[in-house]
Amino acid sequence: MGKLFKLAQFRKYMSVRKAILKKLFKHRFVGGRHTELRNVVKGFPPNLIKDFKEEIRNLIREGFLTSKKSTGEIHISLNPRMLNEIRKEISEELN
């Protein structure tokens, strides 16, 4: 019950999807500049980490993120071919 409440409280301000894209865009992790998966989920509520990792998998499947295995860890970055769509996603207001 507590997890659902905190998830709803977080989503009141920003969606998980938008938070991930915004963080990567803000730190300019685009194309060849990538970061470890664990660095992306840092700073978000610990009880929502599972939701963030699931949304990252969805973004990779949709082509918004690219992934590669580097130094034994999975690294991700924004797909440079999707930057226009990513900017639209970030700038959209939540309904």
Foldseek 3Di string as FASTA:
>chain_A
DVLVVVQVVVVVQPHLLLLLLVVQVVVVQEDPRKDFPVVSLPPDDPSCSVVNVVSVVVCVVVQQKPWDQDPNTIIIHGYPVCVVVSVVSNPDDDD
